[in-house]
Amino acid sequence: DAPIKRPGYTHAAFVIDRMDDLIAWLDREGIAVTEGPITMGHGRRKV
C-alpha cells in the first residue's frame, strides 16, 4: 500500500476447490474481496 515498493513477501497463495463457494462464504462472513475473481495463467481458472 505504501507508494515506495520495498522488497519482501507480498502474499500467501492457497489452492481451493470451488471459488464460487469461497466467494459466497466470504460474503456471508462480511470479508471483503479486494480483487477478483479473475482468471490468470498456469491453470488458475479463478483467483
ModelCIF file with pLDDT and N, C-alpha, C, O atoms, coordinates in Angstrom:
data_MODEL
#
_entry.id   MODEL 
#
_entity.id                         1 
_entity.type                       polymer 
_entity.pdbx_number_of_molecules   1 
#
_entity_poly.entity_id                      1 
_entity_poly.type                           'polypeptide(L)' 
_entity_poly.nstd_linkage                   no 
_entity_poly.nstd_monomer                   no 
_entity_poly.pdbx_seq_one_letter_code       DAPIKRPGYTHAAFVIDRMDDLIAWLDREGIAVTEGPITMGHGRRKV 
_entity_poly.pdbx_seq_one_letter_code_can   DAPIKRPGYTHAAFVIDRMDDLIAWLDREGIAVTEGPITMGHGRRKV 
_entity_poly.pdbx_strand_id                 A 
#
loop_
_entity_poly_seq.entity_id 
_entity_poly_seq.num 
_entity_poly_seq.mon_id 
_entity_poly_seq.hetero 
1 1  ASP n 
1 2  ALA n 
1 3  PRO n 
1 4  ILE n 
1 5  LYS n 
1 6  ARG n 
1 7  PRO n 
1 8  GLY n 
1 9  TYR n 
1 10 THR n 
1 11 HIS n 
1 12 ALA n 
1 13 ALA n 
1 14 PHE n 
1 15 VAL n 
1 16 ILE n 
1 17 ASP n 
1 18 ARG n 
1 19 MET n 
1 20 ASP n 
1 21 ASP n 
1 22 LEU n 
1 23 ILE n 
1 24 ALA n 
1 25 TRP n 
1 26 LEU n 
1 27 ASP n 
1 28 ARG n 
1 29 GLU n 
1 30 GLY n 
1 31 ILE n 
1 32 ALA n 
1 33 VAL n 
1 34 THR n 
1 35 GLU n 
1 36 GLY n 
1 37 PRO n 
1 38 ILE n 
1 39 THR n 
1 40 MET n 
1 41 GLY n 
1 42 HIS n 
1 43 GLY n 
1 44 ARG n 
1 45 ARG n 
1 46 LYS n 
1 47 VAL n 
#
_struct_asym.id          A 
_struct_asym.entity_id   1 
#
loop_
_ma_qa_metric.id 
_ma_qa_metric.mode 
_ma_qa_metric.name 
_ma_qa_metric.software_group_id 
_ma_qa_metric.type 
1 global pLDDT . pLDDT 
2 local  pLDDT . pLDDT 
#
_ma_qa_metric_global.metric_id      1 
_ma_qa_metric_global.metric_value   92.28 
_ma_qa_metric_global.model_id       1 
_ma_qa_metric_global.ordinal_id     1 
#
loop_
_ma_qa_metric_local.label_asym_id 
_ma_qa_metric_local.label_comp_id 
_ma_qa_metric_local.label_seq_id 
_ma_qa_metric_local.metric_id 
_ma_qa_metric_local.metric_value 
_ma_qa_metric_local.model_id 
_ma_qa_metric_local.ordinal_id 
A ASP 1  2 88.00 1 1  
A ALA 2  2 86.00 1 2  
A PRO 3  2 88.00 1 3  
A ILE 4  2 88.00 1 4  
A LYS 5  2 89.00 1 5  
A ARG 6  2 89.00 1 6  
A PRO 7  2 93.00 1 7  
A GLY 8  2 91.00 1 8  
A TYR 9  2 90.00 1 9  
A THR 10 2 93.00 1 10 
A HIS 11 2 94.00 1 11 
A ALA 12 2 95.00 1 12 
A ALA 13 2 94.00 1 13 
A PHE 14 2 95.00 1 14 
A VAL 15 2 94.00 1 15 
A ILE 16 2 95.00 1 16 
A ASP 17 2 94.00 1 17 
A ARG 18 2 95.00 1 18 
A MET 19 2 96.00 1 19 
A ASP 20 2 95.00 1 20 
A ASP 21 2 96.00 1 21 
A LEU 22 2 97.00 1 22 
A ILE 23 2 97.00 1 23 
A ALA 24 2 97.00 1 24 
A TRP 25 2 97.00 1 25 
A LEU 26 2 97.00 1 26 
A ASP 27 2 97.00 1 27 
A ARG 28 2 97.00 1 28 
A GLU 29 2 96.00 1 29 
A GLY 30 2 97.00 1 30 
A ILE 31 2 97.00 1 31 
A ALA 32 2 97.00 1 32 
A VAL 33 2 98.00 1 33 
A THR 34 2 96.00 1 34 
A GLU 35 2 95.00 1 35 
A GLY 36 2 93.00 1 36 
A PRO 37 2 94.00 1 37 
A ILE 38 2 92.00 1 38 
A THR 39 2 90.00 1 39 
A MET 40 2 86.00 1 40 
A GLY 41 2 80.00 1 41 
A HIS 42 2 79.00 1 42 
A GLY 43 2 77.00 1 43 
A ARG 44 2 78.00 1 44 
A ARG 45 2 86.00 1 45 
A LYS 46 2 93.00 1 46 
A VAL 47 2 96.00 1 47 
#
loop_
_atom_site.group_PDB 
_atom_site.id 
_atom_site.type_symbol 
_atom_site.label_atom_id 
_atom_site.label_alt_id 
_atom_site.label_comp_id 
_atom_site.label_asym_id 
_atom_site.label_entity_id 
_atom_site.label_seq_id 
_atom_site.pdbx_PDB_ins_code 
_atom_site.Cartn_x 
_atom_site.Cartn_y 
_atom_site.Cartn_z 
_atom_site.occupancy 
_atom_site.B_iso_or_equiv 
_atom_site.pdbx_formal_charge 
_atom_site.auth_seq_id 
_atom_site.auth_comp_id 
_atom_site.auth_asym_id 
_atom_site.auth_atom_id 
_atom_site.pdbx_PDB_model_num 
ATOM 1   N N  . ASP A 1 1  ? 0.795   -1.221  0.000   1.00 88.00 ? 1  ASP A N  1 
ATOM 2   C CA . ASP A 1 1  ? 0.000   0.000   0.000   1.00 88.00 ? 1  ASP A CA 1 
ATOM 3   C C  . ASP A 1 1  ? 0.831   1.277   0.000   1.00 88.00 ? 1  ASP A C  1 
ATOM 4   O O  . ASP A 1 1  ? 0.351   2.323   -0.437  1.00 88.00 ? 1  ASP A O  1 
ATOM 5   N N  . ALA A 1 2  ? 2.046   1.211   0.474   1.00 86.00 ? 2  ALA A N  1 
ATOM 6   C CA . ALA A 1 2  ? 2.900   2.395   0.527   1.00 86.00 ? 2  ALA A CA 1 
ATOM 7   C C  . ALA A 1 2  ? 3.354   2.762   -0.893  1.00 86.00 ? 2  ALA A C  1 
ATOM 8   O O  . ALA A 1 2  ? 3.514   1.873   -1.729  1.00 86.00 ? 2  ALA A O  1 
ATOM 9   N N  . PRO A 1 3  ? 3.560   4.040   -1.176  1.00 88.00 ? 3  PRO A N  1 
ATOM 10  C CA . PRO A 1 3  ? 3.944   4.438   -2.535  1.00 88.00 ? 3  PRO A CA 1 
ATOM 11  C C  . PRO A 1 3  ? 5.300   3.884   -2.979  1.00 88.00 ? 3  PRO A C  1 
ATOM 12  O O  . PRO A 1 3  ? 5.497   3.608   -4.162  1.00 88.00 ? 3  PRO A O  1 
ATOM 13  N N  . ILE A 1 4  ? 6.229   3.722   -2.043  1.00 88.00 ? 4  ILE A N  1 
ATOM 14  C CA . ILE A 1 4  ? 7.537   3.130   -2.385  1.00 88.00 ? 4  ILE A CA 1 
ATOM 15  C C  . ILE A 1 4  ? 7.437   1.638   -2.158  1.00 88.00 ? 4  ILE A C  1 
ATOM 16  O O  . ILE A 1 4  ? 7.102   1.203   -1.056  1.00 88.00 ? 4  ILE A O  1 
ATOM 17  N N  . LYS A 1 5  ? 7.720   0.845   -3.179  1.00 89.00 ? 5  LYS A N  1 
ATOM 18  C CA . LYS A 1 5  ? 7.587   -0.604  -3.108  1.00 89.00 ? 5  LYS A CA 1 
ATOM 19  C C  . LYS A 1 5  ? 8.889   -1.225  -2.605  1.00 89.00 ? 5  LYS A C  1 
ATOM 20  O O  . LYS A 1 5  ? 9.895   -1.232  -3.315  1.00 89.00 ? 5  LYS A O  1 
ATOM 21  N N  . ARG A 1 6  ? 8.865   -1.740  -1.390  1.00 89.00 ? 6  ARG A N  1 
ATOM 22  C CA . ARG A 1 6  ? 10.020  -2.368  -0.757  1.00 89.00 ? 6  ARG A CA 1 
ATOM 23  C C  . ARG A 1 6  ? 10.041  -3.857  -1.074  1.00 89.00 ? 6  ARG A C  1 
ATOM 24  O O  . ARG A 1 6  ? 8.990   -4.444  -1.332  1.00 89.00 ? 6  ARG A O  1 
ATOM 25  N N  . PRO A 1 7  ? 11.225  -4.481  -1.061  1.00 93.00 ? 7  PRO A N  1 
ATOM 26  C CA . PRO A 1 7  ? 11.283  -5.918  -1.267  1.00 93.00 ? 7  PRO A CA 1 
ATOM 27  C C  . PRO A 1 7  ? 10.692  -6.659  -0.061  1.00 93.00 ? 7  PRO A C  1 
ATOM 28  O O  . PRO A 1 7  ? 10.719  -6.163  1.066   1.00 93.00 ? 7  PRO A O  1 
ATOM 29  N N  . GLY A 1 8  ? 10.168  -7.837  -0.321  1.00 91.00 ? 8  GLY A N  1 
ATOM 30  C CA . GLY A 1 8  ? 9.618   -8.679  0.732   1.00 91.00 ? 8  GLY A CA 1 
ATOM 31  C C  . GLY A 1 8  ? 8.502   -9.549  0.186   1.00 91.00 ? 8  GLY A C  1 
ATOM 32  O O  . GLY A 1 8  ? 8.080   -9.389  -0.960  1.00 91.00 ? 8  GLY A O  1 
ATOM 33  N N  . TYR A 1 9  ? 8.033   -10.456 0.998   1.00 90.00 ? 9  TYR A N  1 
ATOM 34  C CA . TYR A 1 9  ? 6.920   -11.325 0.606   1.00 90.00 ? 9  TYR A CA 1 
ATOM 35  C C  . TYR A 1 9  ? 5.639   -10.510 0.605   1.00 90.00 ? 9  TYR A C  1 
ATOM 36  O O  . TYR A 1 9  ? 5.342   -9.822  1.581   1.00 90.00 ? 9  TYR A O  1 
ATOM 37  N N  . THR A 1 10 ? 4.887   -10.580 -0.467  1.00 93.00 ? 10 THR A N  1 
ATOM 38  C CA . THR A 1 10 ? 3.694   -9.751  -0.571  1.00 93.00 ? 10 THR A CA 1 
ATOM 39  C C  . THR A 1 10 ? 2.398   -10.490 -0.241  1.00 93.00 ? 10 THR A C  1 
ATOM 40  O O  . THR A 1 10 ? 1.408   -9.851  0.115   1.00 93.00 ? 10 THR A O  1 
ATOM 41  N N  . HIS A 1 11 ? 2.380   -11.822 -0.351  1.00 94.00 ? 11 HIS A N  1 
ATOM 42  C CA . HIS A 1 11 ? 1.142   -12.530 -0.054  1.00 94.00 ? 11 HIS A CA 1 
ATOM 43  C C  . HIS A 1 11 ? 1.396   -14.036 0.053   1.00 94.00 ? 11 HIS A C  1 
ATOM 44  O O  . HIS A 1 11 ? 2.419   -14.556 -0.392  1.00 94.00 ? 11 HIS A O  1 
ATOM 45  N N  . ALA A 1 12 ? 0.426   -14.704 0.657   1.00 95.00 ? 12 ALA A N  1 
ATOM 46  C CA . ALA A 1 12 ? 0.386   -16.165 0.672   1.00 95.00 ? 12 ALA A CA 1 
ATOM 47  C C  . ALA A 1 12 ? -0.711  -16.592 -0.298  1.00 95.00 ? 12 ALA A C  1 
ATOM 48  O O  . ALA A 1 12 ? -1.761  -15.952 -0.362  1.00 95.00 ? 12 ALA A O  1 
ATOM 49  N N  . ALA A 1 13 ? -0.486  -17.653 -1.045  1.00 94.00 ? 13 ALA A N  1 
ATOM 50  C CA . ALA A 1 13 ? -1.465  -18.126 -2.024  1.00 94.00 ? 13 ALA A CA 1 
ATOM 51  C C  . ALA A 1 13 ? -1.889  -19.549 -1.685  1.00 94.00 ? 13 ALA A C  1 
ATOM 52  O O  . ALA A 1 13 ? -1.056  -20.407 -1.395  1.00 94.00 ? 13 ALA A O  1 
ATOM 53  N N  . PHE A 1 14 ? -3.188  -19.783 -1.727  1.00 95.00 ? 14 PHE A N  1 
ATOM 54  C CA . PHE A 1 14 ? -3.761  -21.075 -1.373  1.00 95.00 ? 14 PHE A CA 1 
ATOM 55  C C  . PHE A 1 14 ? -4.569  -21.624 -2.536  1.00 95.00 ? 14 PHE A C  1 
ATOM 56  O O  . PHE A 1 14 ? -5.147  -20.856 -3.304  1.00 95.00 ? 14 PHE A O  1 
ATOM 57  N N  . VAL A 1 15 ? -4.616  -22.935 -2.674  1.00 94.00 ? 15 VAL A N  1 
ATOM 58  C CA . VAL A 1 15 ? -5.430  -23.605 -3.685  1.00 94.00 ? 15 VAL A CA 1 
ATOM 59  C C  . VAL A 1 15 ? -6.710  -24.079 -2.998  1.00 94.00 ? 15 VAL A C  1 
ATOM 60  O O  . VAL A 1 15 ? -6.666  -24.698 -1.935  1.00 94.00 ? 15 VAL A O  1 
ATOM 61  N N  . ILE A 1 16 ? -7.844  -23.779 -3.620  1.00 95.00 ? 16 ILE A N  1 
ATOM 62  C CA . ILE A 1 16 ? -9.145  -24.182 -3.080  1.00 95.00 ? 16 ILE A CA 1 
ATOM 63  C C  . ILE A 1 16 ? -9.901  -24.991 -4.119  1.00 95.00 ? 16 ILE A C  1 
ATOM 64  O O  . ILE A 1 16 ? -9.524  -25.031 -5.290  1.00 95.00 ? 16 ILE A O  1 
ATOM 65  N N  . ASP A 1 17 ? -10.989 -25.645 -3.670  1.00 94.00 ? 17 ASP A N  1 
ATOM 66  C CA . ASP A 1 17 ? -11.780 -26.486 -4.568  1.00 94.00 ? 17 ASP A CA 1 
ATOM 67  C C  . ASP A 1 17 ? -12.695 -25.676 -5.485  1.00 94.00 ? 17 ASP A C  1 
ATOM 68  O O  . ASP A 1 17 ? -12.679 -25.849 -6.704  1.00 94.00 ? 17 ASP A O  1 
ATOM 69  N N  . ARG A 1 18 ? -13.499 -24.781 -4.878  1.00 95.00 ? 18 ARG A N  1 
ATOM 70  C CA . ARG A 1 18 ? -14.528 -24.080 -5.639  1.00 95.00 ? 18 ARG A CA 1 
ATOM 71  C C  . ARG A 1 18 ? -14.561 -22.601 -5.258  1.00 95.00 ? 18 ARG A C  1 
ATOM 72  O O  . ARG A 1 18 ? -14.912 -22.248 -4.131  1.00 95.00 ? 18 ARG A O  1 
ATOM 73  N N  . MET A 1 19 ? -14.202 -21.764 -6.182  1.00 96.00 ? 19 MET A N  1 
ATOM 74  C CA . MET A 1 19 ? -14.181 -20.325 -5.939  1.00 96.00 ? 19 MET A CA 1 
ATOM 75  C C  . MET A 1 19 ? -15.561 -19.787 -5.604  1.00 96.00 ? 19 MET A C  1 
ATOM 76  O O  . MET A 1 19 ? -15.698 -18.948 -4.714  1.00 96.00 ? 19 MET A O  1 
ATOM 77  N N  . ASP A 1 20 ? -16.587 -20.259 -6.305  1.00 95.00 ? 20 ASP A N  1 
ATOM 78  C CA . ASP A 1 20 ? -17.932 -19.751 -6.061  1.00 95.00 ? 20 ASP A CA 1 
ATOM 79  C C  . ASP A 1 20 ? -18.347 -19.980 -4.612  1.00 95.00 ? 20 ASP A C  1 
ATOM 80  O O  . ASP A 1 20 ? -18.983 -19.119 -4.006  1.00 95.00 ? 20 ASP A O  1 
ATOM 81  N N  . ASP A 1 21 ? -17.990 -21.138 -4.051  1.00 96.00 ? 21 ASP A N  1 
ATOM 82  C CA . ASP A 1 21 ? -18.314 -21.423 -2.652  1.00 96.00 ? 21 ASP A CA 1 
ATOM 83  C C  . ASP A 1 21 ? -17.552 -20.474 -1.724  1.00 96.00 ? 21 ASP A C  1 
ATOM 84  O O  . ASP A 1 21 ? -18.108 -19.987 -0.739  1.00 96.00 ? 21 ASP A O  1 
ATOM 85  N N  . LEU A 1 22 ? -16.281 -20.213 -2.037  1.00 97.00 ? 22 LEU A N  1 
ATOM 86  C CA . LEU A 1 22 ? -15.494 -19.296 -1.213  1.00 97.00 ? 22 LEU A CA 1 
ATOM 87  C C  . LEU A 1 22 ? -16.089 -17.893 -1.264  1.00 97.00 ? 22 LEU A C  1 
ATOM 88  O O  . LEU A 1 22 ? -16.238 -17.251 -0.224  1.00 97.00 ? 22 LEU A O  1 
ATOM 89  N N  . ILE A 1 23 ? -16.427 -17.413 -2.444  1.00 97.00 ? 23 ILE A N  1 
ATOM 90  C CA . ILE A 1 23 ? -16.976 -16.064 -2.590  1.00 97.00 ? 23 ILE A CA 1 
ATOM 91  C C  . ILE A 1 23 ? -18.278 -15.930 -1.800  1.00 97.00 ? 23 ILE A C  1 
ATOM 92  O O  . ILE A 1 23 ? -18.496 -14.921 -1.129  1.00 97.00 ? 23 ILE A O  1 
ATOM 93  N N  . ALA A 1 24 ? -19.136 -16.935 -1.877  1.00 97.00 ? 24 ALA A N  1 
ATOM 94  C CA . ALA A 1 24 ? -20.397 -16.900 -1.128  1.00 97.00 ? 24 ALA A CA 1 
ATOM 95  C C  . ALA A 1 24 ? -20.125 -16.886 0.377   1.00 97.00 ? 24 ALA A C  1 
ATOM 96  O O  . ALA A 1 24 ? -20.778 -16.151 1.117   1.00 97.00 ? 24 ALA A O  1 
ATOM 97  N N  . TRP A 1 25 ? -19.161 -17.695 0.833   1.00 97.00 ? 25 TRP A N  1 
ATOM 98  C CA . TRP A 1 25 ? -18.819 -17.736 2.257   1.00 97.00 ? 25 TRP A CA 1 
ATOM 99  C C  . TRP A 1 25 ? -18.241 -16.400 2.713   1.00 97.00 ? 25 TRP A C  1 
ATOM 100 O O  . TRP A 1 25 ? -18.626 -15.889 3.765   1.00 97.00 ? 25 TRP A O  1 
ATOM 101 N N  . LEU A 1 26 ? -17.319 -15.825 1.931   1.00 97.00 ? 26 LEU A N  1 
ATOM 102 C CA . LEU A 1 26 ? -16.744 -14.526 2.278   1.00 97.00 ? 26 LEU A CA 1 
ATOM 103 C C  . LEU A 1 26 ? -17.837 -13.474 2.412   1.00 97.00 ? 26 LEU A C  1 
ATOM 104 O O  . LEU A 1 26 ? -17.804 -12.651 3.328   1.00 97.00 ? 26 LEU A O  1 
ATOM 105 N N  . ASP A 1 27 ? -18.800 -13.499 1.503   1.00 97.00 ? 27 ASP A N  1 
ATOM 106 C CA . ASP A 1 27 ? -19.904 -12.546 1.553   1.00 97.00 ? 27 ASP A CA 1 
ATOM 107 C C  . ASP A 1 27 ? -20.711 -12.731 2.840   1.00 97.00 ? 27 ASP A C  1 
ATOM 108 O O  . ASP A 1 27 ? -21.031 -11.757 3.520   1.00 97.00 ? 27 ASP A O  1 
ATOM 109 N N  . ARG A 1 28 ? -21.038 -13.980 3.171   1.00 97.00 ? 28 ARG A N  1 
ATOM 110 C CA . ARG A 1 28 ? -21.789 -14.245 4.404   1.00 97.00 ? 28 ARG A CA 1 
ATOM 111 C C  . ARG A 1 28 ? -21.012 -13.808 5.644   1.00 97.00 ? 28 ARG A C  1 
ATOM 112 O O  . ARG A 1 28 ? -21.609 -13.343 6.615   1.00 97.00 ? 28 ARG A O  1 
ATOM 113 N N  . GLU A 1 29 ? -19.696 -13.952 5.618   1.00 96.00 ? 29 GLU A N  1 
ATOM 114 C CA . GLU A 1 29 ? -18.847 -13.618 6.755   1.00 96.00 ? 29 GLU A CA 1 
ATOM 115 C C  . GLU A 1 29 ? -18.485 -12.134 6.817   1.00 96.00 ? 29 GLU A C  1 
ATOM 116 O O  . GLU A 1 29 ? -17.891 -11.681 7.796   1.00 96.00 ? 29 GLU A O  1 
ATOM 117 N N  . GLY A 1 30 ? -18.839 -11.380 5.781   1.00 97.00 ? 30 GLY A N  1 
ATOM 118 C CA . GLY A 1 30 ? -18.520 -9.958  5.760   1.00 97.00 ? 30 GLY A CA 1 
ATOM 119 C C  . GLY A 1 30 ? -17.039 -9.674  5.512   1.00 97.00 ? 30 GLY A C  1 
ATOM 120 O O  . GLY A 1 30 ? -16.520 -8.639  5.932   1.00 97.00 ? 30 GLY A O  1 
ATOM 121 N N  . ILE A 1 31 ? -16.367 -10.594 4.830   1.00 97.00 ? 31 ILE A N  1 
ATOM 122 C CA . ILE A 1 31 ? -14.953 -10.424 4.487   1.00 97.00 ? 31 ILE A CA 1 
ATOM 123 C C  . ILE A 1 31 ? -14.889 -9.935  3.043   1.00 97.00 ? 31 ILE A C  1 
ATOM 124 O O  . ILE A 1 31 ? -15.361 -10.610 2.128   1.00 97.00 ? 31 ILE A O  1 
ATOM 125 N N  . ALA A 1 32 ? -14.307 -8.769  2.851   1.00 97.00 ? 32 ALA A N  1 
ATOM 126 C CA . ALA A 1 32 ? -14.278 -8.146  1.524   1.00 97.00 ? 32 ALA A CA 1 
ATOM 127 C C  . ALA A 1 32 ? -13.290 -8.834  0.597   1.00 97.00 ? 32 ALA A C  1 
ATOM 128 O O  . ALA A 1 32 ? -12.177 -9.175  0.998   1.00 97.00 ? 32 ALA A O  1 
ATOM 129 N N  . VAL A 1 33 ? -13.703 -9.033  -0.637  1.00 98.00 ? 33 VAL A N  1 
ATOM 130 C CA . VAL A 1 33 ? -12.799 -9.458  -1.706  1.00 98.00 ? 33 VAL A CA 1 
ATOM 131 C C  . VAL A 1 33 ? -12.167 -8.185  -2.245  1.00 98.00 ? 33 VAL A C  1 
ATOM 132 O O  . VAL A 1 33 ? -12.871 -7.286  -2.704  1.00 98.00 ? 33 VAL A O  1 
ATOM 133 N N  . THR A 1 34 ? -10.839 -8.105  -2.192  1.00 96.00 ? 34 THR A N  1 
ATOM 134 C CA . THR A 1 34 ? -10.165 -6.883  -2.630  1.00 96.00 ? 34 THR A CA 1 
ATOM 135 C C  . THR A 1 34 ? -9.823  -6.903  -4.117  1.00 96.00 ? 34 THR A C  1 
ATOM 136 O O  . THR A 1 34 ? -9.561  -5.857  -4.710  1.00 96.00 ? 34 THR A O  1 
ATOM 137 N N  . GLU A 1 35 ? -9.827  -8.088  -4.717  1.00 95.00 ? 35 GLU A N  1 
ATOM 138 C CA . GLU A 1 35 ? -9.620  -8.212  -6.160  1.00 95.00 ? 35 GLU A CA 1 
ATOM 139 C C  . GLU A 1 35 ? -10.143 -9.563  -6.601  1.00 95.00 ? 35 GLU A C  1 
ATOM 140 O O  . GLU A 1 35 ? -9.941  -10.571 -5.924  1.00 95.00 ? 35 GLU A O  1 
ATOM 141 N N  . GLY A 1 36 ? -10.818 -9.576  -7.745  1.00 93.00 ? 36 GLY A N  1 
ATOM 142 C CA . GLY A 1 36 ? -11.273 -10.825 -8.318  1.00 93.00 ? 36 GLY A CA 1 
ATOM 143 C C  . GLY A 1 36 ? -12.756 -11.065 -8.045  1.00 93.00 ? 36 GLY A C  1 
ATOM 144 O O  . GLY A 1 36 ? -13.477 -10.211 -7.529  1.00 93.00 ? 36 GLY A O  1 
ATOM 145 N N  . PRO A 1 37 ? -13.167 -12.273 -8.420  1.00 94.00 ? 37 PRO A N  1 
ATOM 146 C CA . PRO A 1 37 ? -12.365 -13.303 -9.065  1.00 94.00 ? 37 PRO A CA 1 
ATOM 147 C C  . PRO A 1 37 ? -11.968 -12.910 -10.485 1.00 94.00 ? 37 PRO A C  1 
ATOM 148 O O  . PRO A 1 37 ? -12.745 -12.328 -11.243 1.00 94.00 ? 37 PRO A O  1 
ATOM 149 N N  . ILE A 1 38 ? -10.745 -13.249 -10.803 1.00 92.00 ? 38 ILE A N  1 
ATOM 150 C CA . ILE A 1 38 ? -10.193 -13.011 -12.123 1.00 92.00 ? 38 ILE A CA 1 
ATOM 151 C C  . ILE A 1 38 ? -9.557  -14.306 -12.622 1.00 92.00 ? 38 ILE A C  1 
ATOM 152 O O  . ILE A 1 38 ? -9.350  -15.241 -11.849 1.00 92.00 ? 38 ILE A O  1 
ATOM 153 N N  . THR A 1 39 ? -9.253  -14.353 -13.909 1.00 90.00 ? 39 THR A N  1 
ATOM 154 C CA . THR A 1 39 ? -8.574  -15.505 -14.500 1.00 90.00 ? 39 THR A CA 1 
ATOM 155 C C  . THR A 1 39 ? -7.102  -15.160 -14.692 1.00 90.00 ? 39 THR A C  1 
ATOM 156 O O  . THR A 1 39 ? -6.763  -14.076 -15.167 1.00 90.00 ? 39 THR A O  1 
ATOM 157 N N  . MET A 1 40 ? -6.234  -16.093 -14.317 1.00 86.00 ? 40 MET A N  1 
ATOM 158 C CA . MET A 1 40 ? -4.793  -15.904 -14.502 1.00 86.00 ? 40 MET A CA 1 
ATOM 159 C C  . MET A 1 40 ? -4.236  -17.145 -15.182 1.00 86.00 ? 40 MET A C  1 
ATOM 160 O O  . MET A 1 40 ? -4.960  -18.118 -15.386 1.00 86.00 ? 40 MET A O  1 
ATOM 161 N N  . GLY A 1 41 ? -2.970  -17.118 -15.528 1.00 80.00 ? 41 GLY A N  1 
ATOM 162 C CA . GLY A 1 41 ? -2.337  -18.235 -16.229 1.00 80.00 ? 41 GLY A CA 1 
ATOM 163 C C  . GLY A 1 41 ? -1.983  -19.407 -15.330 1.00 80.00 ? 41 GLY A C  1 
ATOM 164 O O  . GLY A 1 41 ? -2.345  -19.441 -14.154 1.00 80.00 ? 41 GLY A O  1 
ATOM 165 N N  . HIS A 1 42 ? -1.278  -20.355 -15.894 1.00 79.00 ? 42 HIS A N  1 
ATOM 166 C CA . HIS A 1 42 ? -0.784  -21.553 -15.201 1.00 79.00 ? 42 HIS A CA 1 
ATOM 167 C C  . HIS A 1 42 ? -1.905  -22.390 -14.604 1.00 79.00 ? 42 HIS A C  1 
ATOM 168 O O  . HIS A 1 42 ? -1.757  -22.926 -13.505 1.00 79.00 ? 42 HIS A O  1 
ATOM 169 N N  . GLY A 1 43 ? -3.031  -22.511 -15.316 1.00 77.00 ? 43 GLY A N  1 
ATOM 170 C CA . GLY A 1 43 ? -4.115  -23.375 -14.882 1.00 77.00 ? 43 GLY A CA 1 
ATOM 171 C C  . GLY A 1 43 ? -5.034  -22.781 -13.838 1.00 77.00 ? 43 GLY A C  1 
ATOM 172 O O  . GLY A 1 43 ? -5.950  -23.458 -13.370 1.00 77.00 ? 43 GLY A O  1 
ATOM 173 N N  . ARG A 1 44 ? -4.815  -21.539 -13.462 1.00 78.00 ? 44 ARG A N  1 
ATOM 174 C CA . ARG A 1 44 ? -5.690  -20.909 -12.472 1.00 78.00 ? 44 ARG A CA 1 
ATOM 175 C C  . ARG A 1 44 ? -6.970  -20.440 -13.165 1.00 78.00 ? 44 ARG A C  1 
ATOM 176 O O  . ARG A 1 44 ? -6.966  -19.465 -13.916 1.00 78.00 ? 44 ARG A O  1 
ATOM 177 N N  . ARG A 1 45 ? -8.055  -21.151 -12.898 1.00 86.00 ? 45 ARG A N  1 
ATOM 178 C CA . ARG A 1 45 ? -9.339  -20.775 -13.509 1.00 86.00 ? 45 ARG A CA 1 
ATOM 179 C C  . ARG A 1 45 ? -9.875  -19.493 -12.903 1.00 86.00 ? 45 ARG A C  1 
ATOM 180 O O  . ARG A 1 45 ? -10.322 -18.595 -13.617 1.00 86.00 ? 45 ARG A O  1 
ATOM 181 N N  . LYS A 1 46 ? -9.826  -19.413 -11.578 1.00 93.00 ? 46 LYS A N  1 
ATOM 182 C CA . LYS A 1 46 ? -10.329 -18.233 -10.878 1.00 93.00 ? 46 LYS A CA 1 
ATOM 183 C C  . LYS A 1 46 ? -9.372  -17.917 -9.739  1.00 93.00 ? 46 LYS A C  1 
ATOM 184 O O  . LYS A 1 46 ? -8.859  -18.812 -9.069  1.00 93.00 ? 46 LYS A O  1 
ATOM 185 N N  . VAL A 1 47 ? -9.142  -16.626 -9.535  1.00 96.00 ? 47 VAL A N  1 
ATOM 186 C CA . VAL A 1 47 ? -8.252  -16.151 -8.480  1.00 96.00 ? 47 VAL A CA 1 
ATOM 187 C C  . VAL A 1 47 ? -8.942  -14.985 -7.781  1.00 96.00 ? 47 VAL A C  1 
ATOM 188 O O  . VAL A 1 47 ? -8.385  -14.410 -6.845  1.00 96.00 ? 47 VAL A O  1 
#
